[in-house]
């Protein structure tokens, strides 16, 4: 039986008078692909930011990898993000004047020590071994997103977060990215939490939870 990688109890996030996430009870086992759906303003990104250590809860319990994130200071959260989390954004956030290889090595720099051979291998794993020296402007949208995946996995995270990672891609590129994530998860055995508006994308997950106005209203598990 898989151990639990994320555990929340009464997890809440408020911004002034606005409660973006109301008391949430959620348990995520290691290795699960969890899809998070809901309309804009439902609390999806808030949840992702809290789990990734990018934001702090207002109240409640948030344990990731057995550690209570509420007890970490800013340096501790930064260390947690470097060592535990990989993030794939909808907007690629690649440095435009760096090559694909240099963009991946940049993630290594913030984690420990850049290693060109490791970065090269990460890009080869996502099918971009022939694009190492190309800059983002010379890559298609799908290729840029694959650079982002290579950057996200280069430091062997336990938790991979996706914030609408296929939102700007066409159907073919979306399928390619999702198949790649499925293959990498099988190899690396990391946990995926992916926010999406697309029901077809959500269906790639093992389980989908639905948020509405900051409340978890229902969940569905993949069958078959």
N, C-alpha and C. Protein backbone atom coordinates (compact mmCIF):
# COMPACT_ATOMS: atom_id res chain seq x y z
N UNK A 1 0.85 -1.20 0.00
CA UNK A 1 0.00 0.00 0.00
C UNK A 1 0.89 1.25 0.00
N UNK A 2 0.59 2.19 -0.89
CA UNK A 2 1.41 3.40 -1.02
C UNK A 2 1.28 4.28 0.21
N UNK A 3 2.39 4.89 0.60
CA UNK A 3 2.35 5.83 1.71
C UNK A 3 1.78 7.16 1.23
N UNK A 4 1.41 7.99 2.17
CA UNK A 4 0.80 9.28 1.85
C UNK A 4 1.87 10.35 1.67
N UNK A 5 1.80 11.09 0.57
CA UNK A 5 2.77 12.14 0.33
C UNK A 5 2.21 13.51 0.70
N UNK A 6 0.89 13.69 0.60
CA UNK A 6 0.25 14.96 0.96
C UNK A 6 -0.93 14.68 1.87
N UNK A 7 -0.99 15.40 2.98
CA UNK A 7 -2.09 15.26 3.93
C UNK A 7 -2.49 16.65 4.41
N UNK A 8 -3.76 16.99 4.23
CA UNK A 8 -4.25 18.28 4.72
C UNK A 8 -5.42 18.05 5.67
N UNK A 9 -5.59 18.99 6.61
CA UNK A 9 -6.72 18.98 7.53
C UNK A 9 -7.11 20.42 7.81
N UNK A 10 -8.33 20.78 7.46
CA UNK A 10 -8.79 22.15 7.68
C UNK A 10 -7.96 23.19 6.97
N UNK A 11 -7.34 22.82 5.85
CA UNK A 11 -6.45 23.73 5.13
C UNK A 11 -7.24 24.89 4.53
N UNK A 12 -6.82 26.10 4.89
CA UNK A 12 -7.55 27.31 4.50
C UNK A 12 -6.58 28.37 4.02
N UNK A 13 -7.02 29.13 3.00
CA UNK A 13 -6.23 30.28 2.56
C UNK A 13 -7.16 31.44 2.28
N UNK A 14 -6.93 32.53 3.01
CA UNK A 14 -7.72 33.75 2.84
C UNK A 14 -6.82 34.90 2.45
N UNK A 15 -7.37 35.81 1.66
CA UNK A 15 -6.69 37.04 1.29
C UNK A 15 -7.60 38.19 1.73
N UNK A 16 -7.34 38.72 2.90
CA UNK A 16 -8.25 39.73 3.44
C UNK A 16 -9.59 39.09 3.74
N UNK A 17 -10.66 39.65 3.16
CA UNK A 17 -12.01 39.14 3.39
C UNK A 17 -12.38 38.02 2.42
N UNK A 18 -11.48 37.72 1.49
CA UNK A 18 -11.78 36.70 0.47
C UNK A 18 -11.16 35.37 0.89
N UNK A 19 -11.99 34.35 0.98
CA UNK A 19 -11.52 33.01 1.34
C UNK A 19 -11.37 32.21 0.05
N UNK A 20 -10.13 32.09 -0.41
CA UNK A 20 -9.87 31.41 -1.68
C UNK A 20 -9.94 29.90 -1.55
N UNK A 21 -9.62 29.39 -0.36
CA UNK A 21 -9.69 27.95 -0.12
C UNK A 21 -10.28 27.73 1.27
N UNK A 22 -11.43 27.07 1.31
CA UNK A 22 -12.11 26.82 2.57
C UNK A 22 -11.64 25.48 3.15
N UNK A 23 -11.86 25.25 4.45
CA UNK A 23 -11.25 24.08 5.11
C UNK A 23 -11.28 22.82 4.25
N UNK A 24 -10.09 22.36 3.89
CA UNK A 24 -9.95 21.26 2.94
C UNK A 24 -9.31 20.05 3.61
N UNK A 25 -9.93 18.89 3.41
CA UNK A 25 -9.39 17.62 3.85
C UNK A 25 -9.00 16.85 2.60
N UNK A 26 -7.71 16.56 2.46
CA UNK A 26 -7.25 15.88 1.26
C UNK A 26 -6.06 14.99 1.58
N UNK A 27 -6.08 13.78 1.04
CA UNK A 27 -4.97 12.85 1.20
C UNK A 27 -4.56 12.35 -0.18
N UNK A 28 -3.26 12.43 -0.48
CA UNK A 28 -2.74 12.01 -1.77
C UNK A 28 -1.65 10.96 -1.55
N UNK A 29 -1.86 9.74 -2.05
CA UNK A 29 -0.83 8.71 -1.89
C UNK A 29 0.34 8.93 -2.83
N UNK A 30 1.50 8.44 -2.45
CA UNK A 30 2.68 8.54 -3.31
C UNK A 30 2.42 7.86 -4.65
N UNK A 31 2.86 8.53 -5.72
CA UNK A 31 2.75 7.95 -7.05
C UNK A 31 1.44 8.22 -7.76
N UNK A 32 0.48 8.87 -7.09
CA UNK A 32 -0.80 9.15 -7.74
C UNK A 32 -0.66 10.31 -8.72
N UNK A 33 -1.47 10.26 -9.77
CA UNK A 33 -1.66 11.40 -10.67
C UNK A 33 -3.02 11.98 -10.32
N UNK A 34 -3.01 13.13 -9.66
CA UNK A 34 -4.24 13.78 -9.22
C UNK A 34 -4.53 14.97 -10.12
N UNK A 35 -5.70 14.96 -10.75
CA UNK A 35 -6.14 16.10 -11.55
C UNK A 35 -7.06 16.97 -10.70
N UNK A 36 -6.92 18.30 -10.86
CA UNK A 36 -7.72 19.26 -10.09
C UNK A 36 -8.48 20.13 -11.08
N UNK A 37 -9.80 20.10 -10.98
CA UNK A 37 -10.64 20.87 -11.90
C UNK A 37 -11.54 21.85 -11.14
N UNK A 38 -12.05 22.83 -11.89
CA UNK A 38 -12.93 23.84 -11.34
C UNK A 38 -12.85 25.08 -12.18
N UNK A 39 -13.87 25.93 -12.09
CA UNK A 39 -13.88 27.16 -12.88
C UNK A 39 -12.86 28.15 -12.34
N UNK A 40 -12.61 29.21 -13.06
CA UNK A 40 -11.68 30.24 -12.60
C UNK A 40 -12.13 30.79 -11.25
N UNK A 41 -11.20 30.89 -10.32
CA UNK A 41 -11.53 31.39 -8.99
C UNK A 41 -12.04 30.33 -8.03
N UNK A 42 -11.94 29.06 -8.43
CA UNK A 42 -12.47 27.98 -7.59
C UNK A 42 -11.49 27.55 -6.49
N UNK A 43 -10.22 27.96 -6.61
CA UNK A 43 -9.24 27.61 -5.61
C UNK A 43 -8.18 26.64 -6.09
N UNK A 44 -8.21 26.30 -7.39
CA UNK A 44 -7.26 25.31 -7.94
C UNK A 44 -5.81 25.77 -7.79
N UNK A 45 -5.52 26.95 -8.30
CA UNK A 45 -4.14 27.45 -8.25
C UNK A 45 -3.71 27.73 -6.82
N UNK A 46 -4.65 28.15 -5.98
CA UNK A 46 -4.33 28.37 -4.57
C UNK A 46 -3.85 27.08 -3.93
N UNK A 47 -4.56 25.99 -4.20
CA UNK A 47 -4.17 24.70 -3.65
C UNK A 47 -2.79 24.29 -4.17
N UNK A 48 -2.58 24.48 -5.46
CA UNK A 48 -1.29 24.10 -6.05
C UNK A 48 -0.15 24.89 -5.43
N UNK A 49 -0.37 26.19 -5.23
CA UNK A 49 0.66 27.05 -4.65
C UNK A 49 0.98 26.67 -3.20
N UNK A 50 -0.03 26.27 -2.46
CA UNK A 50 0.19 25.87 -1.07
C UNK A 50 0.99 24.57 -1.01
N UNK A 51 0.58 23.60 -1.80
CA UNK A 51 1.26 22.30 -1.80
C UNK A 51 2.70 22.44 -2.27
N UNK A 52 2.94 23.38 -3.21
CA UNK A 52 4.28 23.58 -3.73
C UNK A 52 5.16 24.49 -2.90
N UNK A 53 4.64 24.97 -1.78
CA UNK A 53 5.42 25.85 -0.92
C UNK A 53 5.62 27.24 -1.49
N UNK A 54 4.77 27.62 -2.45
CA UNK A 54 4.84 28.96 -3.04
C UNK A 54 4.00 29.97 -2.28
N UNK A 55 3.14 29.46 -1.40
CA UNK A 55 2.26 30.33 -0.61
C UNK A 55 2.07 29.65 0.75
N UNK A 56 1.60 30.43 1.70
CA UNK A 56 1.40 29.91 3.06
C UNK A 56 -0.09 29.83 3.39
N UNK A 57 -0.52 28.75 4.06
CA UNK A 57 -1.92 28.65 4.48
C UNK A 57 -2.26 29.70 5.54
N UNK A 58 -3.52 30.03 5.61
CA UNK A 58 -4.00 30.89 6.69
C UNK A 58 -4.24 30.08 7.96
N UNK A 59 -4.70 28.84 7.76
CA UNK A 59 -4.96 27.96 8.90
C UNK A 59 -4.95 26.51 8.42
N UNK A 60 -4.92 25.59 9.39
CA UNK A 60 -5.01 24.18 9.07
C UNK A 60 -3.68 23.48 9.07
N UNK A 61 -3.70 22.24 8.64
CA UNK A 61 -2.51 21.38 8.59
C UNK A 61 -2.19 21.07 7.14
N UNK A 62 -0.91 21.19 6.79
CA UNK A 62 -0.44 20.83 5.45
C UNK A 62 0.88 20.08 5.60
N UNK A 63 0.81 18.78 5.41
CA UNK A 63 2.01 17.94 5.47
C UNK A 63 2.33 17.42 4.07
N UNK A 64 3.56 17.64 3.65
CA UNK A 64 4.03 17.16 2.36
C UNK A 64 5.31 16.37 2.60
N UNK A 65 5.31 15.11 2.18
CA UNK A 65 6.46 14.27 2.43
C UNK A 65 6.71 14.06 3.92
N UNK A 66 5.64 14.10 4.71
CA UNK A 66 5.75 13.88 6.15
C UNK A 66 6.13 15.11 6.95
N UNK A 67 6.39 16.24 6.29
CA UNK A 67 6.78 17.46 7.00
C UNK A 67 5.67 18.49 6.96
N UNK A 68 5.47 19.16 8.09
CA UNK A 68 4.46 20.21 8.17
C UNK A 68 5.04 21.50 7.61
N UNK A 69 4.53 21.95 6.47
CA UNK A 69 5.08 23.14 5.82
C UNK A 69 4.81 24.41 6.63
N UNK A 70 3.81 24.37 7.51
CA UNK A 70 3.52 25.56 8.29
C UNK A 70 4.66 25.89 9.25
N UNK A 71 5.49 24.90 9.56
CA UNK A 71 6.59 25.12 10.49
C UNK A 71 7.86 25.61 9.84
N UNK A 72 7.85 25.79 8.53
CA UNK A 72 9.06 26.21 7.82
C UNK A 72 9.07 27.72 7.60
N UNK A 73 10.27 28.31 7.78
CA UNK A 73 10.42 29.72 7.45
C UNK A 73 10.65 29.87 5.95
N UNK A 74 10.90 31.08 5.47
CA UNK A 74 11.05 31.30 4.04
C UNK A 74 12.23 30.52 3.46
N UNK A 75 13.34 30.47 4.19
CA UNK A 75 14.48 29.69 3.72
C UNK A 75 14.14 28.21 3.66
N UNK A 76 13.39 27.76 4.64
CA UNK A 76 12.99 26.36 4.66
C UNK A 76 12.07 26.00 3.51
N UNK A 77 11.15 26.91 3.18
CA UNK A 77 10.25 26.67 2.05
C UNK A 77 11.02 26.67 0.74
N UNK A 78 11.99 27.58 0.62
CA UNK A 78 12.80 27.62 -0.60
C UNK A 78 13.58 26.32 -0.76
N UNK A 79 14.10 25.82 0.33
CA UNK A 79 14.84 24.55 0.29
C UNK A 79 13.90 23.40 -0.07
N UNK A 80 12.70 23.41 0.49
CA UNK A 80 11.69 22.40 0.16
C UNK A 80 11.39 22.40 -1.34
N UNK A 81 11.18 23.60 -1.91
CA UNK A 81 10.87 23.68 -3.35
C UNK A 81 12.03 23.15 -4.19
N UNK A 82 13.25 23.50 -3.82
CA UNK A 82 14.42 23.06 -4.58
C UNK A 82 14.58 21.55 -4.55
N UNK A 83 14.36 20.97 -3.39
CA UNK A 83 14.70 19.56 -3.19
C UNK A 83 13.54 18.61 -3.44
N UNK A 84 12.31 19.10 -3.40
CA UNK A 84 11.17 18.19 -3.39
C UNK A 84 10.21 18.37 -4.56
N UNK A 85 10.19 19.57 -5.16
CA UNK A 85 9.13 19.92 -6.10
C UNK A 85 9.67 20.29 -7.47
N UNK A 86 8.98 19.83 -8.50
CA UNK A 86 9.19 20.30 -9.86
C UNK A 86 7.89 20.92 -10.36
N UNK A 87 7.98 22.03 -11.09
CA UNK A 87 6.77 22.74 -11.52
C UNK A 87 6.80 22.97 -13.02
N UNK A 88 5.65 22.68 -13.67
CA UNK A 88 5.48 22.96 -15.10
C UNK A 88 4.35 23.98 -15.22
N UNK A 89 4.65 25.13 -15.79
CA UNK A 89 3.67 26.21 -15.91
C UNK A 89 3.01 26.20 -17.28
N UNK A 90 1.86 26.87 -17.37
CA UNK A 90 1.22 27.08 -18.67
C UNK A 90 2.07 28.01 -19.52
N UNK A 91 2.48 29.12 -18.94
CA UNK A 91 3.45 30.00 -19.58
C UNK A 91 4.82 29.42 -19.27
N UNK A 92 5.62 29.20 -20.29
CA UNK A 92 6.80 28.36 -20.12
C UNK A 92 7.84 28.94 -19.17
N UNK A 93 7.93 30.26 -19.07
CA UNK A 93 8.91 30.91 -18.20
C UNK A 93 10.34 30.45 -18.49
N UNK A 94 10.64 30.27 -19.77
CA UNK A 94 12.01 29.98 -20.17
C UNK A 94 12.73 31.30 -20.38
N UNK A 95 14.02 31.32 -20.09
CA UNK A 95 14.82 32.53 -20.30
C UNK A 95 15.11 32.63 -21.80
N UNK A 96 14.62 33.67 -22.46
CA UNK A 96 14.65 33.71 -23.92
C UNK A 96 16.03 33.73 -24.55
N UNK A 97 17.04 34.27 -23.84
CA UNK A 97 18.38 34.36 -24.44
C UNK A 97 19.26 33.16 -24.10
N UNK A 98 18.72 32.18 -23.35
CA UNK A 98 19.46 30.95 -23.05
C UNK A 98 18.99 29.82 -23.96
N UNK A 99 19.89 28.90 -24.26
CA UNK A 99 19.52 27.73 -25.05
C UNK A 99 18.68 26.77 -24.20
N UNK A 100 18.11 25.76 -24.86
CA UNK A 100 17.34 24.75 -24.13
C UNK A 100 18.21 24.11 -23.05
N UNK A 101 19.45 23.78 -23.42
CA UNK A 101 20.36 23.15 -22.47
C UNK A 101 20.65 24.08 -21.29
N UNK A 102 20.88 25.34 -21.56
CA UNK A 102 21.18 26.30 -20.50
C UNK A 102 19.98 26.54 -19.59
N UNK A 103 18.77 26.52 -20.16
CA UNK A 103 17.56 26.68 -19.35
C UNK A 103 17.41 25.54 -18.35
N UNK A 104 17.73 24.32 -18.78
CA UNK A 104 17.65 23.18 -17.87
C UNK A 104 18.75 23.26 -16.82
N UNK A 105 19.94 23.65 -17.25
CA UNK A 105 21.05 23.76 -16.30
C UNK A 105 20.80 24.85 -15.26
N UNK A 106 20.01 25.85 -15.61
CA UNK A 106 19.69 26.91 -14.66
C UNK A 106 18.96 26.34 -13.44
N UNK A 107 18.08 25.37 -13.67
CA UNK A 107 17.38 24.73 -12.56
C UNK A 107 18.36 23.98 -11.66
N UNK A 108 19.37 23.38 -12.27
CA UNK A 108 20.41 22.70 -11.48
C UNK A 108 21.19 23.70 -10.62
N UNK A 109 21.45 24.87 -11.20
CA UNK A 109 22.22 25.89 -10.50
C UNK A 109 21.54 26.28 -9.19
N UNK A 110 20.21 26.43 -9.22
CA UNK A 110 19.48 26.83 -8.01
C UNK A 110 19.35 25.67 -7.03
N UNK A 111 19.54 24.44 -7.52
CA UNK A 111 19.42 23.27 -6.65
C UNK A 111 20.76 22.89 -6.03
N UNK A 112 21.78 22.80 -6.88
CA UNK A 112 23.10 22.38 -6.39
C UNK A 112 24.18 22.87 -7.33
N UNK A 113 24.64 22.00 -8.24
CA UNK A 113 25.70 22.34 -9.18
C UNK A 113 25.27 21.95 -10.59
N UNK A 114 25.38 22.86 -11.56
CA UNK A 114 25.01 22.51 -12.93
C UNK A 114 25.87 21.37 -13.47
N UNK A 115 25.23 20.47 -14.19
CA UNK A 115 25.92 19.33 -14.78
C UNK A 115 25.42 19.20 -16.22
N UNK A 116 26.26 19.58 -17.17
CA UNK A 116 25.82 19.60 -18.57
C UNK A 116 25.40 18.22 -19.05
N UNK A 117 26.11 17.19 -18.63
CA UNK A 117 25.78 15.83 -19.08
C UNK A 117 24.40 15.42 -18.58
N UNK A 118 24.07 15.76 -17.33
CA UNK A 118 22.75 15.43 -16.79
C UNK A 118 21.66 16.22 -17.51
N UNK A 119 21.90 17.50 -17.76
CA UNK A 119 20.93 18.33 -18.45
C UNK A 119 20.71 17.83 -19.88
N UNK A 120 21.77 17.44 -20.53
CA UNK A 120 21.68 16.90 -21.88
C UNK A 120 20.82 15.62 -21.88
N UNK A 121 21.06 14.76 -20.89
CA UNK A 121 20.31 13.52 -20.80
C UNK A 121 18.83 13.79 -20.55
N UNK A 122 18.52 14.78 -19.70
CA UNK A 122 17.12 15.14 -19.42
C UNK A 122 16.42 15.58 -20.70
N UNK A 123 17.10 16.36 -21.53
CA UNK A 123 16.50 16.81 -22.79
C UNK A 123 16.38 15.65 -23.78
N UNK A 124 17.31 14.74 -23.76
CA UNK A 124 17.20 13.55 -24.61
C UNK A 124 16.00 12.71 -24.20
N UNK A 125 15.73 12.64 -22.90
CA UNK A 125 14.60 11.86 -22.41
C UNK A 125 13.27 12.41 -22.89
N UNK A 126 13.20 13.72 -23.10
CA UNK A 126 11.95 14.32 -23.57
C UNK A 126 11.97 14.52 -25.08
N UNK A 127 12.91 13.90 -25.75
CA UNK A 127 12.94 13.91 -27.21
C UNK A 127 13.53 15.16 -27.83
N UNK A 128 14.38 15.87 -27.09
CA UNK A 128 14.95 17.12 -27.60
C UNK A 128 16.47 17.08 -27.65
N UNK A 129 17.03 15.90 -27.83
CA UNK A 129 18.47 15.80 -27.93
C UNK A 129 19.05 16.55 -29.12
N UNK A 130 18.20 16.81 -30.12
CA UNK A 130 18.65 17.53 -31.32
C UNK A 130 18.39 19.03 -31.22
N UNK A 131 17.86 19.49 -30.08
CA UNK A 131 17.50 20.90 -29.92
C UNK A 131 18.26 21.57 -28.78
N UNK A 132 19.36 21.00 -28.37
CA UNK A 132 20.07 21.50 -27.20
C UNK A 132 20.48 22.95 -27.31
N UNK A 133 20.90 23.37 -28.48
CA UNK A 133 21.45 24.72 -28.67
C UNK A 133 20.42 25.73 -29.16
N UNK A 134 19.18 25.29 -29.31
CA UNK A 134 18.14 26.21 -29.77
C UNK A 134 17.60 27.03 -28.60
N UNK A 135 17.31 28.31 -28.87
CA UNK A 135 16.69 29.16 -27.87
C UNK A 135 15.17 29.02 -27.95
N UNK A 136 14.43 29.43 -26.91
CA UNK A 136 12.99 29.24 -26.88
C UNK A 136 12.26 29.76 -28.13
N UNK A 137 12.68 30.91 -28.64
CA UNK A 137 12.03 31.47 -29.82
C UNK A 137 12.19 30.63 -31.07
N UNK A 138 13.11 29.67 -31.03
CA UNK A 138 13.35 28.78 -32.17
C UNK A 138 12.66 27.43 -32.00
N UNK A 139 11.87 27.29 -30.92
CA UNK A 139 11.18 26.05 -30.62
C UNK A 139 9.68 26.22 -30.74
N UNK A 140 8.97 25.15 -31.09
CA UNK A 140 7.51 25.19 -31.11
C UNK A 140 6.99 25.22 -29.68
N UNK A 141 5.66 25.48 -29.54
CA UNK A 141 5.07 25.48 -28.20
C UNK A 141 5.23 24.16 -27.49
N UNK A 142 5.03 23.05 -28.23
CA UNK A 142 5.19 21.74 -27.63
C UNK A 142 6.62 21.46 -27.23
N UNK A 143 7.57 21.92 -28.05
CA UNK A 143 8.98 21.73 -27.71
C UNK A 143 9.36 22.56 -26.50
N UNK A 144 8.86 23.78 -26.41
CA UNK A 144 9.15 24.60 -25.23
C UNK A 144 8.61 23.94 -23.96
N UNK A 145 7.42 23.34 -24.07
CA UNK A 145 6.86 22.70 -22.88
C UNK A 145 7.66 21.47 -22.49
N UNK A 146 8.26 20.79 -23.48
CA UNK A 146 9.10 19.64 -23.16
C UNK A 146 10.41 20.09 -22.50
N UNK A 147 10.91 21.26 -22.88
CA UNK A 147 12.05 21.83 -22.15
C UNK A 147 11.66 22.07 -20.69
N UNK A 148 10.45 22.58 -20.49
CA UNK A 148 9.97 22.83 -19.12
C UNK A 148 9.87 21.54 -18.32
N UNK A 149 9.46 20.46 -18.98
CA UNK A 149 9.39 19.17 -18.29
C UNK A 149 10.79 18.70 -17.92
N UNK A 150 11.73 18.82 -18.85
CA UNK A 150 13.12 18.45 -18.56
C UNK A 150 13.64 19.27 -17.39
N UNK A 151 13.33 20.56 -17.38
CA UNK A 151 13.77 21.42 -16.28
C UNK A 151 13.12 21.00 -14.95
N UNK A 152 11.85 20.59 -15.02
CA UNK A 152 11.13 20.22 -13.80
C UNK A 152 11.62 18.91 -13.20
N UNK A 153 12.12 17.99 -14.04
CA UNK A 153 12.51 16.68 -13.52
C UNK A 153 14.01 16.56 -13.27
N UNK A 154 14.80 17.57 -13.67
CA UNK A 154 16.25 17.45 -13.64
C UNK A 154 16.78 17.17 -12.23
N UNK A 155 16.09 17.66 -11.22
CA UNK A 155 16.57 17.47 -9.84
C UNK A 155 15.86 16.33 -9.11
N UNK A 156 15.21 15.44 -9.89
CA UNK A 156 14.55 14.24 -9.36
C UNK A 156 13.56 14.56 -8.25
N UNK A 157 12.53 15.37 -8.54
CA UNK A 157 11.56 15.73 -7.51
C UNK A 157 10.67 14.56 -7.13
N UNK A 158 10.14 14.60 -5.92
CA UNK A 158 9.15 13.62 -5.49
C UNK A 158 7.74 14.03 -5.92
N UNK A 159 7.57 15.34 -6.15
CA UNK A 159 6.26 15.90 -6.45
C UNK A 159 6.37 16.79 -7.68
N UNK A 160 5.57 16.48 -8.70
CA UNK A 160 5.56 17.27 -9.92
C UNK A 160 4.21 17.98 -10.03
N UNK A 161 4.26 19.32 -10.08
CA UNK A 161 3.04 20.13 -10.15
C UNK A 161 2.89 20.71 -11.54
N UNK A 162 1.68 20.64 -12.09
CA UNK A 162 1.40 21.21 -13.41
C UNK A 162 0.27 22.22 -13.32
N UNK A 163 0.55 23.46 -13.66
CA UNK A 163 -0.46 24.52 -13.65
C UNK A 163 -0.92 24.79 -15.08
N UNK A 164 -1.97 24.09 -15.51
CA UNK A 164 -2.47 24.17 -16.89
C UNK A 164 -1.32 23.96 -17.89
N UNK A 165 -0.53 22.90 -17.74
CA UNK A 165 0.67 22.76 -18.57
C UNK A 165 0.39 22.53 -20.06
N UNK A 166 -0.85 22.14 -20.39
CA UNK A 166 -1.19 21.94 -21.81
C UNK A 166 -2.16 23.01 -22.31
N UNK A 167 -2.40 24.04 -21.51
CA UNK A 167 -3.42 25.03 -21.85
C UNK A 167 -3.18 25.78 -23.14
N UNK A 168 -1.91 25.96 -23.53
CA UNK A 168 -1.59 26.72 -24.74
C UNK A 168 -1.20 25.82 -25.92
N UNK A 169 -1.41 24.50 -25.78
CA UNK A 169 -0.95 23.58 -26.81
C UNK A 169 -2.10 23.05 -27.65
N UNK A 170 -1.79 22.69 -28.90
CA UNK A 170 -2.79 22.05 -29.74
C UNK A 170 -2.96 20.60 -29.29
N UNK A 171 -3.94 19.91 -29.92
CA UNK A 171 -4.30 18.57 -29.45
C UNK A 171 -3.13 17.60 -29.58
N UNK A 172 -2.42 17.66 -30.69
CA UNK A 172 -1.30 16.75 -30.91
C UNK A 172 -0.20 16.96 -29.87
N UNK A 173 0.16 18.22 -29.63
CA UNK A 173 1.20 18.52 -28.65
C UNK A 173 0.75 18.17 -27.24
N UNK A 174 -0.55 18.40 -26.95
CA UNK A 174 -1.09 18.05 -25.64
C UNK A 174 -0.94 16.56 -25.38
N UNK A 175 -1.33 15.75 -26.37
CA UNK A 175 -1.22 14.30 -26.22
C UNK A 175 0.23 13.87 -26.03
N UNK A 176 1.13 14.49 -26.77
CA UNK A 176 2.56 14.15 -26.67
C UNK A 176 3.08 14.46 -25.28
N UNK A 177 2.72 15.62 -24.73
CA UNK A 177 3.18 16.02 -23.40
C UNK A 177 2.61 15.08 -22.34
N UNK A 178 1.33 14.74 -22.44
CA UNK A 178 0.71 13.88 -21.44
C UNK A 178 1.28 12.46 -21.50
N UNK A 179 1.53 11.95 -22.69
CA UNK A 179 2.15 10.63 -22.82
C UNK A 179 3.56 10.64 -22.22
N UNK A 180 4.26 11.73 -22.43
CA UNK A 180 5.61 11.86 -21.88
C UNK A 180 5.56 11.86 -20.36
N UNK A 181 4.63 12.59 -19.79
CA UNK A 181 4.50 12.63 -18.33
C UNK A 181 4.15 11.25 -17.78
N UNK A 182 3.30 10.53 -18.48
CA UNK A 182 2.93 9.19 -18.03
C UNK A 182 4.14 8.26 -18.05
N UNK A 183 4.96 8.35 -19.10
CA UNK A 183 6.15 7.51 -19.20
C UNK A 183 7.16 7.87 -18.10
N UNK A 184 7.37 9.17 -17.89
CA UNK A 184 8.33 9.60 -16.89
C UNK A 184 7.89 9.22 -15.48
N UNK A 185 6.59 9.31 -15.22
CA UNK A 185 6.08 8.94 -13.90
C UNK A 185 6.31 7.44 -13.64
N UNK A 186 6.14 6.62 -14.68
CA UNK A 186 6.37 5.19 -14.53
C UNK A 186 7.84 4.91 -14.22
N UNK A 187 8.74 5.71 -14.78
CA UNK A 187 10.17 5.51 -14.56
C UNK A 187 10.62 6.09 -13.22
N UNK A 188 10.18 7.32 -12.94
CA UNK A 188 10.67 8.05 -11.77
C UNK A 188 9.83 7.85 -10.52
N UNK A 189 8.56 7.42 -10.71
CA UNK A 189 7.64 7.15 -9.61
C UNK A 189 7.37 8.40 -8.78
N UNK A 190 7.31 9.56 -9.44
CA UNK A 190 6.92 10.77 -8.71
C UNK A 190 5.40 10.91 -8.71
N UNK A 191 4.91 11.79 -7.85
CA UNK A 191 3.49 12.10 -7.74
C UNK A 191 3.20 13.32 -8.61
N UNK A 192 2.07 13.31 -9.31
CA UNK A 192 1.68 14.44 -10.16
C UNK A 192 0.40 15.06 -9.63
N UNK A 193 0.40 16.37 -9.51
CA UNK A 193 -0.85 17.12 -9.27
C UNK A 193 -0.96 18.12 -10.39
N UNK A 194 -2.04 18.01 -11.17
CA UNK A 194 -2.19 18.83 -12.36
C UNK A 194 -3.52 19.58 -12.35
N UNK A 195 -3.43 20.89 -12.41
CA UNK A 195 -4.61 21.75 -12.55
C UNK A 195 -4.95 21.88 -14.02
N UNK A 196 -6.23 21.72 -14.36
CA UNK A 196 -6.64 21.84 -15.75
C UNK A 196 -8.11 22.24 -15.83
N UNK A 197 -8.46 22.88 -16.96
CA UNK A 197 -9.87 23.16 -17.26
C UNK A 197 -10.44 22.11 -18.22
N UNK A 198 -9.57 21.25 -18.72
CA UNK A 198 -9.93 20.34 -19.81
C UNK A 198 -10.24 18.95 -19.25
N UNK A 199 -11.48 18.50 -19.45
CA UNK A 199 -11.89 17.20 -18.93
C UNK A 199 -11.09 16.05 -19.54
N UNK A 200 -10.73 16.18 -20.83
CA UNK A 200 -9.95 15.13 -21.48
C UNK A 200 -8.55 15.04 -20.87
N UNK A 201 -7.97 16.18 -20.54
CA UNK A 201 -6.66 16.19 -19.89
C UNK A 201 -6.77 15.61 -18.48
N UNK A 202 -7.81 16.00 -17.76
CA UNK A 202 -8.00 15.50 -16.39
C UNK A 202 -8.13 13.98 -16.37
N UNK A 203 -8.70 13.41 -17.45
CA UNK A 203 -8.95 11.97 -17.50
C UNK A 203 -7.67 11.15 -17.53
N UNK A 204 -6.52 11.79 -17.80
CA UNK A 204 -5.25 11.08 -17.77
C UNK A 204 -4.84 10.74 -16.34
N UNK A 205 -5.44 11.40 -15.38
CA UNK A 205 -5.09 11.18 -13.97
C UNK A 205 -5.75 9.93 -13.41
N UNK A 206 -5.27 9.51 -12.25
CA UNK A 206 -5.88 8.38 -11.54
C UNK A 206 -7.15 8.81 -10.81
N UNK A 207 -7.17 10.08 -10.44
CA UNK A 207 -8.30 10.63 -9.69
C UNK A 207 -8.46 12.09 -10.03
N UNK A 208 -9.69 12.57 -10.07
CA UNK A 208 -9.96 13.99 -10.32
C UNK A 208 -10.78 14.54 -9.17
N UNK A 209 -10.34 15.67 -8.60
CA UNK A 209 -11.14 16.37 -7.61
C UNK A 209 -11.65 17.66 -8.22
N UNK A 210 -12.84 18.06 -7.80
CA UNK A 210 -13.49 19.25 -8.33
C UNK A 210 -13.67 20.27 -7.21
N UNK A 211 -13.17 21.49 -7.45
CA UNK A 211 -13.31 22.58 -6.49
C UNK A 211 -14.33 23.58 -7.00
N UNK A 212 -15.09 24.14 -6.09
CA UNK A 212 -16.07 25.18 -6.42
C UNK A 212 -16.10 26.18 -5.28
N UNK A 213 -15.72 27.41 -5.58
CA UNK A 213 -15.70 28.47 -4.57
C UNK A 213 -14.88 28.06 -3.35
N UNK A 214 -13.73 27.43 -3.62
CA UNK A 214 -12.83 27.07 -2.54
C UNK A 214 -13.20 25.82 -1.77
N UNK A 215 -14.21 25.09 -2.24
CA UNK A 215 -14.68 23.88 -1.55
C UNK A 215 -14.50 22.67 -2.45
N UNK A 216 -14.01 21.57 -1.88
CA UNK A 216 -13.94 20.32 -2.62
C UNK A 216 -15.34 19.73 -2.64
N UNK A 217 -15.95 19.71 -3.84
CA UNK A 217 -17.35 19.32 -3.94
C UNK A 217 -17.56 17.87 -4.34
N UNK A 218 -16.58 17.28 -5.07
CA UNK A 218 -16.70 15.88 -5.45
C UNK A 218 -15.38 15.38 -6.00
N UNK A 219 -15.28 14.07 -6.14
CA UNK A 219 -14.10 13.48 -6.75
C UNK A 219 -14.52 12.25 -7.56
N UNK A 220 -13.69 11.93 -8.56
CA UNK A 220 -13.94 10.77 -9.40
C UNK A 220 -12.65 9.99 -9.51
N UNK A 221 -12.75 8.67 -9.48
CA UNK A 221 -11.59 7.82 -9.68
C UNK A 221 -11.68 7.12 -11.03
N UNK A 222 -10.52 6.97 -11.67
CA UNK A 222 -10.50 6.28 -12.95
C UNK A 222 -10.87 4.82 -12.72
N UNK A 223 -11.69 4.30 -13.61
CA UNK A 223 -12.06 2.89 -13.53
C UNK A 223 -11.51 2.16 -14.74
N UNK A 224 -11.17 0.91 -14.56
CA UNK A 224 -10.67 0.10 -15.66
C UNK A 224 -9.20 0.31 -15.90
